[in-house]
Amino acid sequence: MLEVAILGFLKEEPMHGYELKQRLASLTGHFRPVSDGALYPAIARLEAQKFVVKHEESGENGIIKRVLTLTPEGESRLLNLLREPTDLDISDRNKFFTILAFLRYLSPVEQCTVLQRRLDFLEKGKSFFSEKGRPVHFAQETDPFRKGMLLIAKETSRVEKQWLRETISKLKP
């Protein structure tokens, strides 16, 4: 998802690495901070693949800034990643939220397709816990902390499914 986030933010506007890191932190930092050891090698890979280019600009006090710009190839890559997220990108809430942050760049029909995949996944109703191969549901759970996890997940899922249905309905022609 780091690739999607980098390309997505650079589609919004060119920026230098530090600014990009701040944007990434605002998107993912609360649950998955991005270290320099992950960010700068990812940028280097995107440069090597010709998805981004780096150029120098004068900054404040004459300091040279290296600014990253999305290339047409990079935009194409971003759109493909958004159109065809993996099953893990759809099922993992944090990864899906990264997709969602940039979904506006797709057509309404493509947006509906991605949102419908997420809704289909949520409709399956997975549980965090199982016993003898069977899912443990909220009413069956006796541990108060696990019960809390299940309650929070159930309500979050309910609200998300409602939003997905409403949004899909609005986007459909």
N, C-alpha and C. Protein backbone atom coordinates (compact mmCIF):
# COMPACT_ATOMS: atom_id res chain seq x y z
N MET A 1 0.81 -1.19 0.00
CA MET A 1 0.00 0.00 0.00
C MET A 1 0.85 1.26 0.00
N LEU A 2 2.11 1.11 0.37
CA LEU A 2 3.00 2.27 0.34
C LEU A 2 3.11 2.82 -1.07
N GLU A 3 3.18 1.94 -2.05
CA GLU A 3 3.25 2.37 -3.45
C GLU A 3 2.00 3.16 -3.84
N VAL A 4 0.84 2.65 -3.49
CA VAL A 4 -0.41 3.34 -3.81
C VAL A 4 -0.43 4.71 -3.15
N ALA A 5 -0.05 4.78 -1.89
CA ALA A 5 -0.08 6.05 -1.16
C ALA A 5 0.90 7.06 -1.76
N ILE A 6 2.11 6.62 -2.07
CA ILE A 6 3.09 7.54 -2.66
C ILE A 6 2.59 8.07 -4.00
N LEU A 7 2.16 7.16 -4.87
CA LEU A 7 1.68 7.57 -6.19
C LEU A 7 0.43 8.44 -6.07
N GLY A 8 -0.45 8.09 -5.14
CA GLY A 8 -1.68 8.86 -4.95
C GLY A 8 -1.41 10.28 -4.49
N PHE A 9 -0.52 10.43 -3.51
CA PHE A 9 -0.21 11.78 -3.03
C PHE A 9 0.52 12.59 -4.10
N LEU A 10 1.38 11.94 -4.88
CA LEU A 10 2.07 12.66 -5.94
C LEU A 10 1.13 13.01 -7.09
N LYS A 11 0.05 12.28 -7.24
CA LYS A 11 -0.95 12.67 -8.24
C LYS A 11 -1.62 13.99 -7.82
N GLU A 12 -1.76 14.18 -6.53
CA GLU A 12 -2.35 15.43 -6.04
C GLU A 12 -1.45 16.62 -6.34
N GLU A 13 -0.15 16.44 -6.13
CA GLU A 13 0.81 17.52 -6.39
C GLU A 13 2.24 17.02 -6.21
N PRO A 14 3.20 17.61 -6.92
CA PRO A 14 4.61 17.27 -6.68
C PRO A 14 4.99 17.68 -5.25
N MET A 15 5.88 16.93 -4.64
CA MET A 15 6.33 17.28 -3.29
C MET A 15 7.68 16.63 -2.99
N HIS A 16 8.34 17.14 -1.98
CA HIS A 16 9.63 16.56 -1.57
C HIS A 16 9.38 15.43 -0.58
N GLY A 17 10.41 14.63 -0.35
CA GLY A 17 10.29 13.43 0.46
C GLY A 17 9.75 13.68 1.86
N TYR A 18 10.23 14.74 2.51
CA TYR A 18 9.77 15.02 3.88
C TYR A 18 8.28 15.33 3.90
N GLU A 19 7.83 16.13 2.95
CA GLU A 19 6.40 16.46 2.88
C GLU A 19 5.58 15.20 2.59
N LEU A 20 6.09 14.36 1.70
CA LEU A 20 5.43 13.10 1.39
C LEU A 20 5.33 12.23 2.64
N LYS A 21 6.40 12.18 3.42
CA LYS A 21 6.40 11.39 4.65
C LYS A 21 5.34 11.91 5.62
N GLN A 22 5.18 13.22 5.71
CA GLN A 22 4.15 13.80 6.58
C GLN A 22 2.75 13.42 6.11
N ARG A 23 2.53 13.45 4.81
CA ARG A 23 1.22 13.06 4.27
C ARG A 23 0.94 11.58 4.55
N LEU A 24 1.97 10.76 4.36
CA LEU A 24 1.80 9.33 4.63
C LEU A 24 1.47 9.10 6.09
N ALA A 25 2.14 9.83 6.97
CA ALA A 25 1.89 9.69 8.40
C ALA A 25 0.46 10.08 8.74
N SER A 26 -0.06 11.10 8.07
CA SER A 26 -1.44 11.51 8.35
C SER A 26 -2.43 10.45 7.88
N LEU A 27 -2.07 9.71 6.84
CA LEU A 27 -2.96 8.66 6.31
C LEU A 27 -2.81 7.36 7.09
N THR A 28 -1.58 6.95 7.36
CA THR A 28 -1.36 5.63 7.94
C THR A 28 -0.64 5.65 9.28
N GLY A 29 -0.12 6.78 9.67
CA GLY A 29 0.75 6.86 10.84
C GLY A 29 0.17 6.37 12.14
N HIS A 30 -1.14 6.53 12.33
CA HIS A 30 -1.72 6.12 13.60
C HIS A 30 -1.74 4.61 13.79
N PHE A 31 -1.68 3.84 12.71
CA PHE A 31 -1.64 2.39 12.87
C PHE A 31 -0.44 1.73 12.21
N ARG A 32 0.24 2.44 11.34
CA ARG A 32 1.38 1.85 10.65
C ARG A 32 2.32 2.96 10.19
N PRO A 33 3.17 3.44 11.11
CA PRO A 33 4.06 4.54 10.72
C PRO A 33 5.03 4.11 9.62
N VAL A 34 5.41 5.07 8.79
CA VAL A 34 6.33 4.81 7.68
C VAL A 34 7.71 5.34 8.06
N SER A 35 8.67 4.45 8.09
CA SER A 35 10.03 4.84 8.44
C SER A 35 10.79 5.30 7.20
N ASP A 36 11.86 6.05 7.42
CA ASP A 36 12.73 6.44 6.31
C ASP A 36 13.28 5.21 5.61
N GLY A 37 13.52 4.15 6.38
CA GLY A 37 14.07 2.91 5.83
C GLY A 37 13.11 2.20 4.89
N ALA A 38 11.83 2.54 4.97
CA ALA A 38 10.84 1.98 4.03
C ALA A 38 10.53 2.99 2.92
N LEU A 39 10.39 4.25 3.30
CA LEU A 39 9.96 5.27 2.34
C LEU A 39 10.97 5.52 1.24
N TYR A 40 12.21 5.81 1.60
CA TYR A 40 13.18 6.21 0.58
C TYR A 40 13.57 5.08 -0.38
N PRO A 41 13.69 3.83 0.09
CA PRO A 41 13.88 2.75 -0.88
C PRO A 41 12.66 2.57 -1.80
N ALA A 42 11.46 2.79 -1.27
CA ALA A 42 10.26 2.70 -2.12
C ALA A 42 10.28 3.79 -3.18
N ILE A 43 10.67 4.99 -2.80
CA ILE A 43 10.78 6.08 -3.78
C ILE A 43 11.82 5.73 -4.83
N ALA A 44 12.95 5.19 -4.40
CA ALA A 44 14.02 4.81 -5.35
C ALA A 44 13.51 3.75 -6.33
N ARG A 45 12.72 2.78 -5.85
CA ARG A 45 12.15 1.76 -6.75
C ARG A 45 11.19 2.40 -7.76
N LEU A 46 10.37 3.33 -7.28
CA LEU A 46 9.43 4.01 -8.18
C LEU A 46 10.16 4.86 -9.21
N GLU A 47 11.28 5.45 -8.81
CA GLU A 47 12.11 6.21 -9.77
C GLU A 47 12.70 5.27 -10.81
N ALA A 48 13.23 4.13 -10.34
CA ALA A 48 13.84 3.17 -11.26
C ALA A 48 12.82 2.63 -12.26
N GLN A 49 11.58 2.53 -11.84
CA GLN A 49 10.52 2.05 -12.73
C GLN A 49 9.91 3.17 -13.58
N LYS A 50 10.45 4.38 -13.43
CA LYS A 50 10.00 5.55 -14.19
C LYS A 50 8.58 5.98 -13.83
N PHE A 51 8.13 5.66 -12.60
CA PHE A 51 6.81 6.08 -12.14
C PHE A 51 6.86 7.47 -11.50
N VAL A 52 8.02 7.84 -11.00
CA VAL A 52 8.23 9.19 -10.45
C VAL A 52 9.59 9.69 -10.93
N VAL A 53 9.71 11.01 -11.02
CA VAL A 53 11.00 11.63 -11.33
C VAL A 53 11.31 12.63 -10.23
N LYS A 54 12.60 12.84 -10.02
CA LYS A 54 13.06 13.76 -9.00
C LYS A 54 13.80 14.91 -9.67
N HIS A 55 13.49 16.12 -9.25
CA HIS A 55 14.24 17.27 -9.75
C HIS A 55 14.49 18.22 -8.57
N GLU A 56 15.43 19.12 -8.75
CA GLU A 56 15.80 20.02 -7.67
C GLU A 56 15.16 21.38 -7.85
N GLU A 57 14.75 21.96 -6.73
CA GLU A 57 14.19 23.31 -6.70
C GLU A 57 14.82 24.06 -5.54
N SER A 58 14.88 25.36 -5.68
CA SER A 58 15.36 26.19 -4.57
C SER A 58 14.26 26.34 -3.54
N GLY A 59 14.63 26.10 -2.29
CA GLY A 59 13.67 26.27 -1.20
C GLY A 59 13.97 27.51 -0.41
N GLU A 60 13.42 27.56 0.78
CA GLU A 60 13.66 28.70 1.67
C GLU A 60 15.14 28.76 2.03
N ASN A 61 15.63 29.97 2.17
CA ASN A 61 17.03 30.20 2.56
C ASN A 61 18.02 29.56 1.60
N GLY A 62 17.64 29.41 0.34
CA GLY A 62 18.55 28.87 -0.66
C GLY A 62 18.80 27.37 -0.55
N ILE A 63 18.06 26.70 0.29
CA ILE A 63 18.23 25.25 0.45
C ILE A 63 17.61 24.55 -0.75
N ILE A 64 18.36 23.63 -1.32
CA ILE A 64 17.89 22.86 -2.47
C ILE A 64 16.96 21.75 -1.99
N LYS A 65 15.78 21.66 -2.59
CA LYS A 65 14.84 20.59 -2.28
C LYS A 65 14.76 19.66 -3.48
N ARG A 66 14.71 18.38 -3.20
CA ARG A 66 14.49 17.39 -4.26
C ARG A 66 13.00 17.09 -4.29
N VAL A 67 12.37 17.49 -5.38
CA VAL A 67 10.92 17.38 -5.51
C VAL A 67 10.58 16.18 -6.39
N LEU A 68 9.60 15.41 -5.94
CA LEU A 68 9.14 14.24 -6.68
C LEU A 68 7.89 14.60 -7.47
N THR A 69 7.84 14.12 -8.71
CA THR A 69 6.70 14.36 -9.59
C THR A 69 6.25 13.03 -10.18
N LEU A 70 4.96 12.84 -10.25
CA LEU A 70 4.39 11.64 -10.85
C LEU A 70 4.52 11.72 -12.36
N THR A 71 4.94 10.65 -13.01
CA THR A 71 5.03 10.59 -14.47
C THR A 71 3.72 10.01 -15.01
N PRO A 72 3.49 10.13 -16.31
CA PRO A 72 2.30 9.49 -16.90
C PRO A 72 2.28 7.97 -16.64
N GLU A 73 3.46 7.35 -16.66
CA GLU A 73 3.54 5.91 -16.36
C GLU A 73 3.15 5.65 -14.91
N GLY A 74 3.54 6.55 -14.02
CA GLY A 74 3.19 6.42 -12.61
C GLY A 74 1.69 6.59 -12.38
N GLU A 75 1.10 7.52 -13.11
CA GLU A 75 -0.35 7.70 -12.99
C GLU A 75 -1.08 6.46 -13.50
N SER A 76 -0.61 5.90 -14.59
CA SER A 76 -1.21 4.68 -15.13
C SER A 76 -1.09 3.54 -14.11
N ARG A 77 0.07 3.43 -13.49
CA ARG A 77 0.30 2.40 -12.47
C ARG A 77 -0.67 2.59 -11.30
N LEU A 78 -0.81 3.82 -10.83
CA LEU A 78 -1.73 4.12 -9.73
C LEU A 78 -3.15 3.69 -10.08
N LEU A 79 -3.61 4.09 -11.25
CA LEU A 79 -4.98 3.77 -11.65
C LEU A 79 -5.19 2.26 -11.74
N ASN A 80 -4.19 1.54 -12.24
CA ASN A 80 -4.30 0.08 -12.31
C ASN A 80 -4.37 -0.55 -10.92
N LEU A 81 -3.55 -0.04 -9.99
CA LEU A 81 -3.58 -0.56 -8.62
C LEU A 81 -4.92 -0.27 -7.95
N LEU A 82 -5.51 0.87 -8.25
CA LEU A 82 -6.81 1.22 -7.68
C LEU A 82 -7.94 0.40 -8.31
N ARG A 83 -7.84 0.15 -9.62
CA ARG A 83 -8.88 -0.61 -10.32
C ARG A 83 -8.89 -2.08 -9.92
N GLU A 84 -7.70 -2.61 -9.65
CA GLU A 84 -7.58 -4.04 -9.42
C GLU A 84 -6.86 -4.35 -8.11
N PRO A 85 -7.45 -3.92 -6.97
CA PRO A 85 -6.80 -4.24 -5.71
C PRO A 85 -6.83 -5.75 -5.46
N THR A 86 -5.82 -6.23 -4.75
CA THR A 86 -5.76 -7.66 -4.43
C THR A 86 -6.86 -8.00 -3.43
N ASP A 87 -7.09 -9.29 -3.24
CA ASP A 87 -8.06 -9.71 -2.22
C ASP A 87 -7.64 -9.22 -0.84
N LEU A 88 -6.33 -9.22 -0.56
CA LEU A 88 -5.86 -8.73 0.74
C LEU A 88 -6.11 -7.23 0.87
N ASP A 89 -5.96 -6.48 -0.22
CA ASP A 89 -6.24 -5.04 -0.18
C ASP A 89 -7.71 -4.78 0.13
N ILE A 90 -8.58 -5.66 -0.32
CA ILE A 90 -10.02 -5.53 -0.08
C ILE A 90 -10.37 -5.97 1.33
N SER A 91 -9.75 -7.03 1.82
CA SER A 91 -10.14 -7.59 3.12
C SER A 91 -9.49 -6.90 4.32
N ASP A 92 -8.32 -6.33 4.14
CA ASP A 92 -7.62 -5.66 5.24
C ASP A 92 -8.10 -4.21 5.32
N ARG A 93 -8.71 -3.85 6.45
CA ARG A 93 -9.31 -2.51 6.57
C ARG A 93 -8.29 -1.40 6.32
N ASN A 94 -7.09 -1.51 6.88
CA ASN A 94 -6.09 -0.46 6.70
C ASN A 94 -5.67 -0.33 5.24
N LYS A 95 -5.47 -1.44 4.57
CA LYS A 95 -5.11 -1.40 3.16
C LYS A 95 -6.27 -0.84 2.33
N PHE A 96 -7.48 -1.26 2.67
CA PHE A 96 -8.64 -0.76 1.93
C PHE A 96 -8.79 0.75 2.10
N PHE A 97 -8.53 1.25 3.29
CA PHE A 97 -8.64 2.69 3.51
C PHE A 97 -7.62 3.46 2.66
N THR A 98 -6.46 2.88 2.42
CA THR A 98 -5.50 3.53 1.53
C THR A 98 -6.05 3.58 0.11
N ILE A 99 -6.65 2.49 -0.34
CA ILE A 99 -7.31 2.49 -1.66
C ILE A 99 -8.41 3.55 -1.69
N LEU A 100 -9.20 3.58 -0.64
CA LEU A 100 -10.33 4.51 -0.56
C LEU A 100 -9.88 5.97 -0.62
N ALA A 101 -8.70 6.27 -0.06
CA ALA A 101 -8.19 7.64 -0.04
C ALA A 101 -7.96 8.20 -1.44
N PHE A 102 -7.77 7.31 -2.43
CA PHE A 102 -7.46 7.77 -3.78
C PHE A 102 -8.46 7.26 -4.82
N LEU A 103 -9.54 6.66 -4.38
CA LEU A 103 -10.52 6.07 -5.29
C LEU A 103 -11.18 7.11 -6.18
N ARG A 104 -11.14 8.37 -5.78
CA ARG A 104 -11.76 9.44 -6.57
C ARG A 104 -11.16 9.56 -7.97
N TYR A 105 -9.99 8.98 -8.18
CA TYR A 105 -9.34 9.08 -9.49
C TYR A 105 -9.89 8.09 -10.51
N LEU A 106 -10.77 7.20 -10.08
CA LEU A 106 -11.39 6.24 -10.99
C LEU A 106 -12.75 6.76 -11.45
N SER A 107 -13.26 6.16 -12.51
CA SER A 107 -14.61 6.50 -12.98
C SER A 107 -15.63 5.95 -11.98
N PRO A 108 -16.85 6.49 -11.98
CA PRO A 108 -17.88 5.96 -11.08
C PRO A 108 -18.12 4.46 -11.24
N VAL A 109 -18.09 3.96 -12.45
CA VAL A 109 -18.29 2.51 -12.67
C VAL A 109 -17.16 1.72 -12.00
N GLU A 110 -15.93 2.19 -12.16
CA GLU A 110 -14.78 1.51 -11.54
C GLU A 110 -14.84 1.63 -10.02
N GLN A 111 -15.26 2.78 -9.53
CA GLN A 111 -15.41 2.97 -8.09
C GLN A 111 -16.42 1.97 -7.53
N CYS A 112 -17.55 1.83 -8.22
CA CYS A 112 -18.58 0.88 -7.79
C CYS A 112 -18.04 -0.55 -7.73
N THR A 113 -17.25 -0.92 -8.70
CA THR A 113 -16.69 -2.27 -8.74
C THR A 113 -15.84 -2.54 -7.51
N VAL A 114 -14.98 -1.59 -7.16
CA VAL A 114 -14.11 -1.75 -5.99
C VAL A 114 -14.94 -1.76 -4.71
N LEU A 115 -15.87 -0.83 -4.60
CA LEU A 115 -16.71 -0.77 -3.40
C LEU A 115 -17.56 -2.02 -3.25
N GLN A 116 -18.05 -2.55 -4.36
CA GLN A 116 -18.86 -3.76 -4.30
C GLN A 116 -18.03 -4.95 -3.83
N ARG A 117 -16.78 -5.01 -4.24
CA ARG A 117 -15.91 -6.09 -3.76
C ARG A 117 -15.75 -6.02 -2.24
N ARG A 118 -15.57 -4.82 -1.71
CA ARG A 118 -15.44 -4.66 -0.26
C ARG A 118 -16.75 -5.05 0.43
N LEU A 119 -17.87 -4.61 -0.12
CA LEU A 119 -19.17 -4.96 0.47
C LEU A 119 -19.38 -6.47 0.44
N ASP A 120 -19.07 -7.11 -0.65
CA ASP A 120 -19.20 -8.57 -0.74
C ASP A 120 -18.35 -9.26 0.32
N PHE A 121 -17.13 -8.76 0.52
CA PHE A 121 -16.27 -9.33 1.55
C PHE A 121 -16.92 -9.17 2.93
N LEU A 122 -17.41 -7.97 3.24
CA LEU A 122 -18.00 -7.72 4.56
C LEU A 122 -19.26 -8.54 4.78
N GLU A 123 -20.01 -8.78 3.72
CA GLU A 123 -21.25 -9.55 3.83
C GLU A 123 -20.99 -11.00 4.25
N LYS A 124 -19.79 -11.49 4.02
CA LYS A 124 -19.46 -12.87 4.40
C LYS A 124 -19.40 -13.05 5.91
N GLY A 125 -19.18 -11.96 6.65
CA GLY A 125 -19.23 -12.01 8.11
C GLY A 125 -18.20 -12.89 8.77
N LYS A 126 -16.96 -12.58 8.63
CA LYS A 126 -15.89 -13.34 9.27
C LYS A 126 -15.81 -13.00 10.76
N SER A 127 -15.25 -13.91 11.55
CA SER A 127 -15.06 -13.69 12.98
C SER A 127 -13.57 -13.70 13.29
N PHE A 128 -13.18 -13.03 14.36
CA PHE A 128 -11.79 -13.02 14.80
C PHE A 128 -11.39 -14.37 15.39
N PHE A 129 -12.34 -15.06 15.99
CA PHE A 129 -12.04 -16.26 16.76
C PHE A 129 -12.83 -17.45 16.23
N SER A 130 -12.24 -18.64 16.41
CA SER A 130 -12.94 -19.86 16.03
C SER A 130 -12.67 -20.93 17.07
N GLU A 131 -13.58 -21.86 17.14
CA GLU A 131 -13.46 -22.98 18.05
C GLU A 131 -13.81 -24.23 17.26
N LYS A 132 -12.86 -25.15 17.19
CA LYS A 132 -13.07 -26.40 16.44
C LYS A 132 -13.48 -26.13 15.00
N GLY A 133 -12.85 -25.10 14.38
CA GLY A 133 -13.11 -24.80 12.99
C GLY A 133 -14.35 -23.97 12.72
N ARG A 134 -15.09 -23.62 13.76
CA ARG A 134 -16.31 -22.83 13.59
C ARG A 134 -16.11 -21.44 14.18
N PRO A 135 -16.63 -20.41 13.49
CA PRO A 135 -16.47 -19.05 14.02
C PRO A 135 -17.21 -18.86 15.34
N VAL A 136 -16.59 -18.10 16.24
CA VAL A 136 -17.24 -17.74 17.50
C VAL A 136 -17.93 -16.40 17.29
N HIS A 137 -19.21 -16.35 17.53
CA HIS A 137 -19.99 -15.13 17.34
C HIS A 137 -20.15 -14.40 18.67
N PHE A 138 -20.57 -13.17 18.57
CA PHE A 138 -20.69 -12.28 19.71
C PHE A 138 -21.45 -12.93 20.87
N ALA A 139 -22.60 -13.49 20.60
CA ALA A 139 -23.45 -14.06 21.66
C ALA A 139 -22.79 -15.25 22.36
N GLN A 140 -21.90 -15.94 21.68
CA GLN A 140 -21.25 -17.12 22.23
C GLN A 140 -20.01 -16.78 23.07
N GLU A 141 -19.44 -15.64 22.85
CA GLU A 141 -18.18 -15.28 23.49
C GLU A 141 -18.41 -14.95 24.97
N THR A 142 -17.57 -15.54 25.83
CA THR A 142 -17.69 -15.28 27.27
C THR A 142 -16.61 -14.35 27.79
N ASP A 143 -15.48 -14.29 27.13
CA ASP A 143 -14.40 -13.39 27.55
C ASP A 143 -14.84 -11.95 27.27
N PRO A 144 -14.86 -11.07 28.29
CA PRO A 144 -15.37 -9.71 28.06
C PRO A 144 -14.53 -8.90 27.08
N PHE A 145 -13.24 -9.17 26.99
CA PHE A 145 -12.37 -8.40 26.10
C PHE A 145 -12.55 -8.85 24.66
N ARG A 146 -12.64 -10.14 24.47
CA ARG A 146 -12.93 -10.64 23.12
C ARG A 146 -14.34 -10.23 22.69
N LYS A 147 -15.25 -10.25 23.63
CA LYS A 147 -16.62 -9.82 23.33
C LYS A 147 -16.61 -8.35 22.89
N GLY A 148 -15.78 -7.55 23.54
CA GLY A 148 -15.63 -6.15 23.16
C GLY A 148 -15.09 -6.01 21.75
N MET A 149 -14.07 -6.80 21.43
CA MET A 149 -13.52 -6.78 20.06
C MET A 149 -14.60 -7.11 19.04
N LEU A 150 -15.37 -8.14 19.33
CA LEU A 150 -16.41 -8.57 18.40
C LEU A 150 -17.50 -7.51 18.25
N LEU A 151 -17.87 -6.88 19.37
CA LEU A 151 -18.89 -5.83 19.32
C LEU A 151 -18.41 -4.64 18.49
N ILE A 152 -17.19 -4.20 18.72
CA ILE A 152 -16.64 -3.07 17.97
C ILE A 152 -16.57 -3.41 16.48
N ALA A 153 -16.07 -4.61 16.17
CA ALA A 153 -15.97 -5.03 14.77
C ALA A 153 -17.35 -5.12 14.12
N LYS A 154 -18.32 -5.64 14.86
CA LYS A 154 -19.69 -5.78 14.33
C LYS A 154 -20.29 -4.42 14.00
N GLU A 155 -20.15 -3.47 14.91
CA GLU A 155 -20.73 -2.14 14.69
C GLU A 155 -19.99 -1.38 13.59
N THR A 156 -18.68 -1.51 13.58
CA THR A 156 -17.89 -0.85 12.53
C THR A 156 -18.29 -1.41 11.16
N SER A 157 -18.43 -2.72 11.10
CA SER A 157 -18.83 -3.37 9.85
C SER A 157 -20.23 -2.94 9.43
N ARG A 158 -21.15 -2.82 10.39
CA ARG A 158 -22.52 -2.40 10.08
C ARG A 158 -22.52 -1.01 9.45
N VAL A 159 -21.79 -0.09 10.06
CA VAL A 159 -21.74 1.28 9.55
C VAL A 159 -21.06 1.32 8.18
N GLU A 160 -19.98 0.57 8.03
CA GLU A 160 -19.28 0.55 6.74
C GLU A 160 -20.16 -0.02 5.65
N LYS A 161 -20.86 -1.11 5.93
CA LYS A 161 -21.75 -1.70 4.92
C LYS A 161 -22.85 -0.72 4.52
N GLN A 162 -23.38 -0.01 5.49
CA GLN A 162 -24.42 0.99 5.19
C GLN A 162 -23.85 2.07 4.27
N TRP A 163 -22.66 2.57 4.60
CA TRP A 163 -22.02 3.60 3.76
C TRP A 163 -21.75 3.07 2.36
N LEU A 164 -21.24 1.85 2.29
CA LEU A 164 -20.94 1.26 0.97
C LEU A 164 -22.20 1.15 0.12
N ARG A 165 -23.28 0.64 0.70
CA ARG A 165 -24.54 0.51 -0.06
C ARG A 165 -25.02 1.87 -0.57
N GLU A 166 -25.01 2.86 0.32
CA GLU A 166 -25.46 4.20 -0.07
C GLU A 166 -24.58 4.80 -1.16
N THR A 167 -23.27 4.64 -1.02
CA THR A 167 -22.34 5.22 -2.00
C THR A 167 -22.46 4.51 -3.34
N ILE A 168 -22.54 3.20 -3.32
CA ILE A 168 -22.72 2.45 -4.58
C ILE A 168 -24.00 2.89 -5.27
N SER A 169 -25.07 3.03 -4.50
CA SER A 169 -26.36 3.45 -5.05
C SER A 169 -26.25 4.83 -5.71
N LYS A 170 -25.55 5.76 -5.09
CA LYS A 170 -25.37 7.10 -5.65
C LYS A 170 -24.49 7.11 -6.89
N LEU A 171 -23.53 6.21 -6.95
CA LEU A 171 -22.58 6.19 -8.07
C LEU A 171 -23.15 5.49 -9.31
N LYS A 172 -24.08 4.58 -9.10
CA LYS A 172 -24.62 3.83 -10.24
C LYS A 172 -25.39 4.76 -11.16
N PRO A 173 -25.19 4.56 -12.49
CA PRO A 173 -25.89 5.42 -13.47
C PRO A 173 -27.40 5.20 -13.47
